[in-house]
């Protein structure tokens, strides 16, 4: 995207990795090479396409754990209940320490 902006519009841009605010990682965090989990920490809602994650979880590869607030209408209309309950980990406190604890074992964060 950075080169696209420069080449097509002459716009200088800066890449900011997500999250845009660097926050301290808990001391119990594993080294990134030892992390294995894929995690989603977004709301479970129509715009987030959680059903795609549940479909991906049908493969024999490691599954995606899902955290976040649930829109119950979306869950009942779009998500297979048994699959969702298997991978849903619950809501979380939106604080740096809570997010750090969840992501400390995470190798990948999935956001659709």
N, C-alpha and C. Protein backbone atom coordinates (compact mmCIF):
# COMPACT_ATOMS: atom_id res chain seq x y z
N UNK A 1 0.84 -1.18 0.00
CA UNK A 1 0.00 0.00 0.00
C UNK A 1 0.89 1.25 0.00
N UNK A 2 1.98 1.18 0.75
CA UNK A 2 2.87 2.33 0.82
C UNK A 2 3.43 2.68 -0.56
N UNK A 3 3.90 1.67 -1.30
CA UNK A 3 4.44 1.94 -2.64
C UNK A 3 3.33 2.35 -3.61
N UNK A 4 2.13 1.79 -3.47
CA UNK A 4 1.00 2.17 -4.31
C UNK A 4 0.67 3.66 -4.15
N UNK A 5 0.62 4.12 -2.91
CA UNK A 5 0.34 5.54 -2.66
C UNK A 5 1.42 6.43 -3.27
N UNK A 6 2.68 6.01 -3.12
CA UNK A 6 3.79 6.80 -3.65
C UNK A 6 3.78 6.82 -5.17
N UNK A 7 3.64 5.66 -5.80
CA UNK A 7 3.72 5.55 -7.25
C UNK A 7 2.53 6.19 -7.96
N UNK A 8 1.35 6.07 -7.40
CA UNK A 8 0.15 6.54 -8.08
C UNK A 8 -0.30 7.94 -7.70
N UNK A 9 0.06 8.37 -6.50
CA UNK A 9 -0.44 9.66 -6.04
C UNK A 9 0.66 10.58 -5.51
N UNK A 10 1.91 10.08 -5.46
CA UNK A 10 3.00 10.89 -4.93
C UNK A 10 2.86 11.19 -3.45
N UNK A 11 2.19 10.31 -2.72
CA UNK A 11 1.94 10.52 -1.30
C UNK A 11 2.94 9.71 -0.48
N UNK A 12 3.69 10.41 0.37
CA UNK A 12 4.58 9.73 1.31
C UNK A 12 3.73 9.22 2.47
N UNK A 13 3.92 7.98 2.87
CA UNK A 13 3.14 7.43 3.98
C UNK A 13 4.06 6.67 4.92
N UNK A 14 3.56 6.43 6.08
CA UNK A 14 4.32 5.72 7.10
C UNK A 14 3.52 4.47 7.50
N UNK A 15 4.19 3.33 7.56
CA UNK A 15 3.54 2.09 7.97
C UNK A 15 3.48 2.06 9.49
N UNK A 16 2.28 1.88 10.01
CA UNK A 16 2.08 1.74 11.44
C UNK A 16 1.53 0.35 11.71
N UNK A 17 2.32 -0.49 12.33
CA UNK A 17 1.87 -1.85 12.63
C UNK A 17 0.74 -1.80 13.65
N UNK A 18 -0.15 -2.76 13.55
CA UNK A 18 -1.26 -2.85 14.51
C UNK A 18 -0.78 -3.64 15.72
N UNK A 19 -1.04 -3.29 16.91
CA UNK A 19 -1.80 -2.12 17.32
C UNK A 19 -0.97 -0.85 17.20
N UNK A 20 -1.64 0.26 16.97
CA UNK A 20 -0.95 1.52 16.75
C UNK A 20 -0.31 2.04 18.02
N UNK A 21 -0.78 1.58 19.15
CA UNK A 21 -0.20 1.96 20.43
C UNK A 21 0.56 0.75 20.98
N UNK A 22 1.85 0.90 21.12
CA UNK A 22 2.64 -0.20 21.68
C UNK A 22 2.38 -0.27 23.18
N UNK A 23 2.00 -1.42 23.65
CA UNK A 23 1.73 -1.59 25.07
C UNK A 23 2.59 -2.71 25.60
N UNK A 24 2.85 -2.72 26.89
CA UNK A 24 3.74 -3.73 27.45
C UNK A 24 3.14 -5.13 27.36
N UNK A 25 3.96 -6.08 27.01
CA UNK A 25 3.55 -7.49 26.97
C UNK A 25 3.85 -8.09 28.34
N UNK A 26 2.94 -8.93 28.81
CA UNK A 26 3.11 -9.51 30.15
C UNK A 26 4.40 -10.32 30.22
N UNK A 27 4.95 -10.39 31.41
CA UNK A 27 6.20 -11.12 31.62
C UNK A 27 6.06 -12.60 31.31
N UNK A 28 4.83 -13.12 31.38
CA UNK A 28 4.62 -14.54 31.14
C UNK A 28 4.50 -14.86 29.65
N UNK A 29 4.63 -13.86 28.80
CA UNK A 29 4.47 -14.09 27.36
C UNK A 29 5.58 -14.99 26.83
N UNK A 30 5.20 -15.92 25.98
CA UNK A 30 6.17 -16.81 25.36
C UNK A 30 6.91 -16.06 24.26
N UNK A 31 8.08 -16.55 23.92
CA UNK A 31 8.79 -16.02 22.78
C UNK A 31 7.94 -16.29 21.54
N UNK A 32 7.87 -15.34 20.59
CA UNK A 32 7.01 -15.52 19.42
C UNK A 32 7.22 -16.85 18.69
N UNK A 33 8.43 -17.37 18.65
CA UNK A 33 8.67 -18.63 17.94
C UNK A 33 8.02 -19.82 18.64
N UNK A 34 7.66 -19.67 19.91
CA UNK A 34 7.03 -20.76 20.65
C UNK A 34 5.51 -20.66 20.66
N UNK A 35 4.98 -19.56 20.19
CA UNK A 35 3.53 -19.36 20.19
C UNK A 35 2.89 -20.20 19.09
N UNK A 36 1.69 -20.69 19.38
CA UNK A 36 1.03 -21.58 18.43
C UNK A 36 -0.38 -21.16 18.07
N UNK A 37 -1.03 -20.40 18.89
CA UNK A 37 -2.46 -20.15 18.71
C UNK A 37 -2.76 -19.04 17.71
N UNK A 38 -3.91 -19.20 17.05
CA UNK A 38 -4.50 -18.13 16.24
C UNK A 38 -5.72 -17.64 17.02
N UNK A 39 -5.84 -16.33 17.17
CA UNK A 39 -6.88 -15.76 18.03
C UNK A 39 -7.56 -14.60 17.32
N UNK A 40 -8.87 -14.51 17.52
CA UNK A 40 -9.64 -13.35 17.08
C UNK A 40 -10.13 -12.63 18.32
N UNK A 41 -9.89 -11.32 18.40
CA UNK A 41 -10.35 -10.55 19.57
C UNK A 41 -11.24 -9.40 19.11
N UNK A 42 -12.20 -9.72 18.24
CA UNK A 42 -13.12 -8.69 17.78
C UNK A 42 -14.53 -9.06 18.21
N UNK A 43 -15.45 -8.13 18.05
CA UNK A 43 -16.83 -8.46 18.38
C UNK A 43 -17.32 -9.53 17.41
N UNK A 44 -18.27 -10.31 17.85
CA UNK A 44 -18.87 -11.37 17.04
C UNK A 44 -20.16 -10.77 16.48
N UNK A 45 -20.06 -10.29 15.23
CA UNK A 45 -21.15 -9.51 14.66
C UNK A 45 -21.18 -9.69 13.14
N UNK A 46 -22.24 -9.23 12.52
CA UNK A 46 -22.43 -9.41 11.08
C UNK A 46 -21.24 -8.93 10.25
N UNK A 47 -20.62 -7.82 10.59
CA UNK A 47 -19.53 -7.26 9.80
C UNK A 47 -18.22 -8.02 9.96
N UNK A 48 -18.12 -8.91 10.92
CA UNK A 48 -16.84 -9.54 11.24
C UNK A 48 -16.62 -10.91 10.62
N UNK A 49 -17.65 -11.48 9.99
CA UNK A 49 -17.51 -12.74 9.24
C UNK A 49 -16.93 -13.90 10.06
N UNK A 50 -17.38 -14.02 11.28
CA UNK A 50 -16.90 -15.09 12.15
C UNK A 50 -17.19 -16.47 11.56
N UNK A 51 -18.25 -16.57 10.75
CA UNK A 51 -18.59 -17.85 10.13
C UNK A 51 -17.45 -18.36 9.25
N UNK A 52 -16.65 -17.46 8.68
CA UNK A 52 -15.49 -17.87 7.88
C UNK A 52 -14.44 -18.50 8.78
N UNK A 53 -14.26 -17.96 9.98
CA UNK A 53 -13.31 -18.55 10.92
C UNK A 53 -13.77 -19.94 11.34
N UNK A 54 -15.07 -20.10 11.58
CA UNK A 54 -15.58 -21.42 11.97
C UNK A 54 -15.41 -22.42 10.83
N UNK A 55 -15.57 -21.95 9.61
CA UNK A 55 -15.34 -22.82 8.44
C UNK A 55 -13.86 -23.22 8.38
N UNK A 56 -12.97 -22.27 8.62
CA UNK A 56 -11.53 -22.56 8.62
C UNK A 56 -11.18 -23.55 9.74
N UNK A 57 -11.91 -23.49 10.84
CA UNK A 57 -11.65 -24.40 11.97
C UNK A 57 -12.00 -25.84 11.66
N UNK A 58 -12.66 -26.10 10.54
CA UNK A 58 -12.98 -27.48 10.15
C UNK A 58 -11.77 -28.20 9.57
N UNK A 59 -10.72 -27.45 9.23
CA UNK A 59 -9.52 -28.08 8.67
C UNK A 59 -8.72 -28.71 9.80
N UNK A 60 -7.84 -29.65 9.47
CA UNK A 60 -7.06 -30.31 10.53
C UNK A 60 -5.96 -29.45 11.13
N UNK A 61 -5.74 -28.27 10.58
CA UNK A 61 -4.73 -27.36 11.12
C UNK A 61 -5.20 -26.80 12.47
N UNK A 62 -4.33 -26.04 13.12
CA UNK A 62 -4.70 -25.42 14.39
C UNK A 62 -5.91 -24.53 14.21
N UNK A 63 -6.76 -24.47 15.21
CA UNK A 63 -8.00 -23.70 15.12
C UNK A 63 -7.81 -22.27 15.62
N UNK A 64 -8.83 -21.45 15.33
CA UNK A 64 -8.85 -20.05 15.74
C UNK A 64 -9.73 -19.94 16.97
N UNK A 65 -9.19 -19.44 18.06
CA UNK A 65 -9.98 -19.17 19.26
C UNK A 65 -10.61 -17.79 19.10
N UNK A 66 -11.86 -17.67 19.54
CA UNK A 66 -12.63 -16.44 19.31
C UNK A 66 -13.00 -15.80 20.64
N UNK A 67 -12.64 -14.53 20.79
CA UNK A 67 -12.98 -13.74 21.98
C UNK A 67 -13.78 -12.53 21.53
N UNK A 68 -14.67 -12.04 22.37
CA UNK A 68 -15.34 -10.78 22.10
C UNK A 68 -16.82 -10.80 22.43
N UNK A 69 -17.41 -9.60 22.39
CA UNK A 69 -18.84 -9.42 22.62
C UNK A 69 -19.62 -10.09 21.49
N UNK A 70 -20.73 -10.73 21.82
CA UNK A 70 -21.52 -11.46 20.82
C UNK A 70 -22.84 -10.77 20.54
N UNK A 71 -23.11 -10.50 19.27
CA UNK A 71 -24.43 -10.08 18.82
C UNK A 71 -25.23 -11.38 18.70
N UNK A 72 -26.19 -11.59 19.61
CA UNK A 72 -26.91 -12.85 19.67
C UNK A 72 -27.75 -13.11 18.42
N UNK A 73 -28.24 -12.07 17.79
CA UNK A 73 -29.00 -12.25 16.54
C UNK A 73 -28.08 -12.83 15.46
N UNK A 74 -26.88 -12.27 15.34
CA UNK A 74 -25.91 -12.77 14.37
C UNK A 74 -25.55 -14.23 14.69
N UNK A 75 -25.26 -14.50 15.94
CA UNK A 75 -24.86 -15.85 16.33
C UNK A 75 -25.96 -16.86 16.02
N UNK A 76 -27.20 -16.52 16.30
CA UNK A 76 -28.29 -17.47 16.07
C UNK A 76 -28.62 -17.62 14.59
N UNK A 77 -28.43 -16.58 13.80
CA UNK A 77 -28.76 -16.64 12.38
C UNK A 77 -27.63 -17.18 11.50
N UNK A 78 -26.39 -16.92 11.88
CA UNK A 78 -25.28 -17.20 10.97
C UNK A 78 -24.28 -18.26 11.45
N UNK A 79 -24.25 -18.54 12.76
CA UNK A 79 -23.22 -19.43 13.27
C UNK A 79 -23.79 -20.77 13.69
N UNK A 80 -23.06 -21.82 13.38
CA UNK A 80 -23.44 -23.16 13.79
C UNK A 80 -23.17 -23.25 15.29
N UNK A 81 -24.20 -23.50 16.11
CA UNK A 81 -24.06 -23.38 17.57
C UNK A 81 -22.99 -24.26 18.20
N UNK A 82 -22.87 -25.50 17.78
CA UNK A 82 -21.88 -26.40 18.39
C UNK A 82 -20.47 -25.94 18.06
N UNK A 83 -20.23 -25.59 16.79
CA UNK A 83 -18.89 -25.13 16.39
C UNK A 83 -18.54 -23.84 17.12
N UNK A 84 -19.51 -22.91 17.20
CA UNK A 84 -19.22 -21.64 17.86
C UNK A 84 -18.91 -21.85 19.33
N UNK A 85 -19.69 -22.66 20.01
CA UNK A 85 -19.45 -22.89 21.45
C UNK A 85 -18.11 -23.59 21.69
N UNK A 86 -17.67 -24.36 20.73
CA UNK A 86 -16.37 -25.06 20.87
C UNK A 86 -15.19 -24.08 20.84
N UNK A 87 -15.28 -23.03 20.01
CA UNK A 87 -14.15 -22.12 19.83
C UNK A 87 -14.30 -20.78 20.53
N UNK A 88 -15.50 -20.45 20.97
CA UNK A 88 -15.73 -19.16 21.64
C UNK A 88 -15.17 -19.21 23.05
N UNK A 89 -14.34 -18.22 23.38
CA UNK A 89 -13.67 -18.17 24.68
C UNK A 89 -14.29 -17.16 25.64
N UNK A 90 -15.20 -16.34 25.15
CA UNK A 90 -15.87 -15.37 26.01
C UNK A 90 -15.48 -13.93 25.72
N UNK A 91 -16.14 -13.03 26.46
CA UNK A 91 -15.81 -11.60 26.37
C UNK A 91 -14.53 -11.36 27.16
N UNK A 92 -13.92 -10.23 26.93
CA UNK A 92 -12.71 -9.87 27.67
C UNK A 92 -12.77 -8.40 28.04
N UNK A 93 -12.05 -8.06 29.08
CA UNK A 93 -11.92 -6.68 29.53
C UNK A 93 -11.01 -5.95 28.55
N UNK A 94 -11.46 -4.86 27.99
CA UNK A 94 -10.65 -4.14 27.01
C UNK A 94 -9.62 -3.26 27.72
N UNK A 95 -8.65 -3.91 28.29
CA UNK A 95 -7.53 -3.23 28.93
C UNK A 95 -6.24 -3.80 28.35
N UNK A 96 -5.17 -3.05 28.44
CA UNK A 96 -3.90 -3.53 27.92
C UNK A 96 -3.48 -4.82 28.61
N UNK A 97 -3.69 -4.93 29.91
CA UNK A 97 -3.26 -6.14 30.61
C UNK A 97 -4.08 -7.36 30.19
N UNK A 98 -5.40 -7.19 30.01
CA UNK A 98 -6.24 -8.31 29.59
C UNK A 98 -5.89 -8.75 28.16
N UNK A 99 -5.71 -7.79 27.28
CA UNK A 99 -5.36 -8.11 25.89
C UNK A 99 -3.98 -8.75 25.83
N UNK A 100 -3.05 -8.24 26.60
CA UNK A 100 -1.71 -8.81 26.65
C UNK A 100 -1.76 -10.26 27.10
N UNK A 101 -2.58 -10.55 28.09
CA UNK A 101 -2.70 -11.92 28.59
C UNK A 101 -3.26 -12.85 27.51
N UNK A 102 -4.28 -12.39 26.79
CA UNK A 102 -4.88 -13.21 25.73
C UNK A 102 -3.88 -13.44 24.60
N UNK A 103 -3.21 -12.37 24.19
CA UNK A 103 -2.33 -12.46 23.03
C UNK A 103 -0.95 -13.02 23.34
N UNK A 104 -0.63 -13.25 24.60
CA UNK A 104 0.71 -13.71 24.96
C UNK A 104 1.03 -15.09 24.37
N UNK A 105 0.03 -15.89 24.07
CA UNK A 105 0.24 -17.21 23.47
C UNK A 105 -0.06 -17.20 21.98
N UNK A 106 -0.39 -16.05 21.45
CA UNK A 106 -0.89 -15.93 20.08
C UNK A 106 0.25 -15.82 19.07
N UNK A 107 0.20 -16.66 18.06
CA UNK A 107 1.13 -16.53 16.94
C UNK A 107 0.53 -15.65 15.86
N UNK A 108 -0.80 -15.76 15.68
CA UNK A 108 -1.51 -14.97 14.68
C UNK A 108 -2.75 -14.37 15.30
N UNK A 109 -3.07 -13.14 14.90
CA UNK A 109 -4.34 -12.54 15.27
C UNK A 109 -5.16 -12.42 14.00
N UNK A 110 -6.37 -12.94 14.03
CA UNK A 110 -7.24 -12.96 12.86
C UNK A 110 -8.27 -11.86 12.99
N UNK A 111 -8.39 -11.02 11.98
CA UNK A 111 -9.40 -9.97 11.97
C UNK A 111 -9.96 -9.87 10.56
N UNK A 112 -11.22 -10.19 10.41
CA UNK A 112 -11.87 -10.10 9.10
C UNK A 112 -12.72 -8.87 9.06
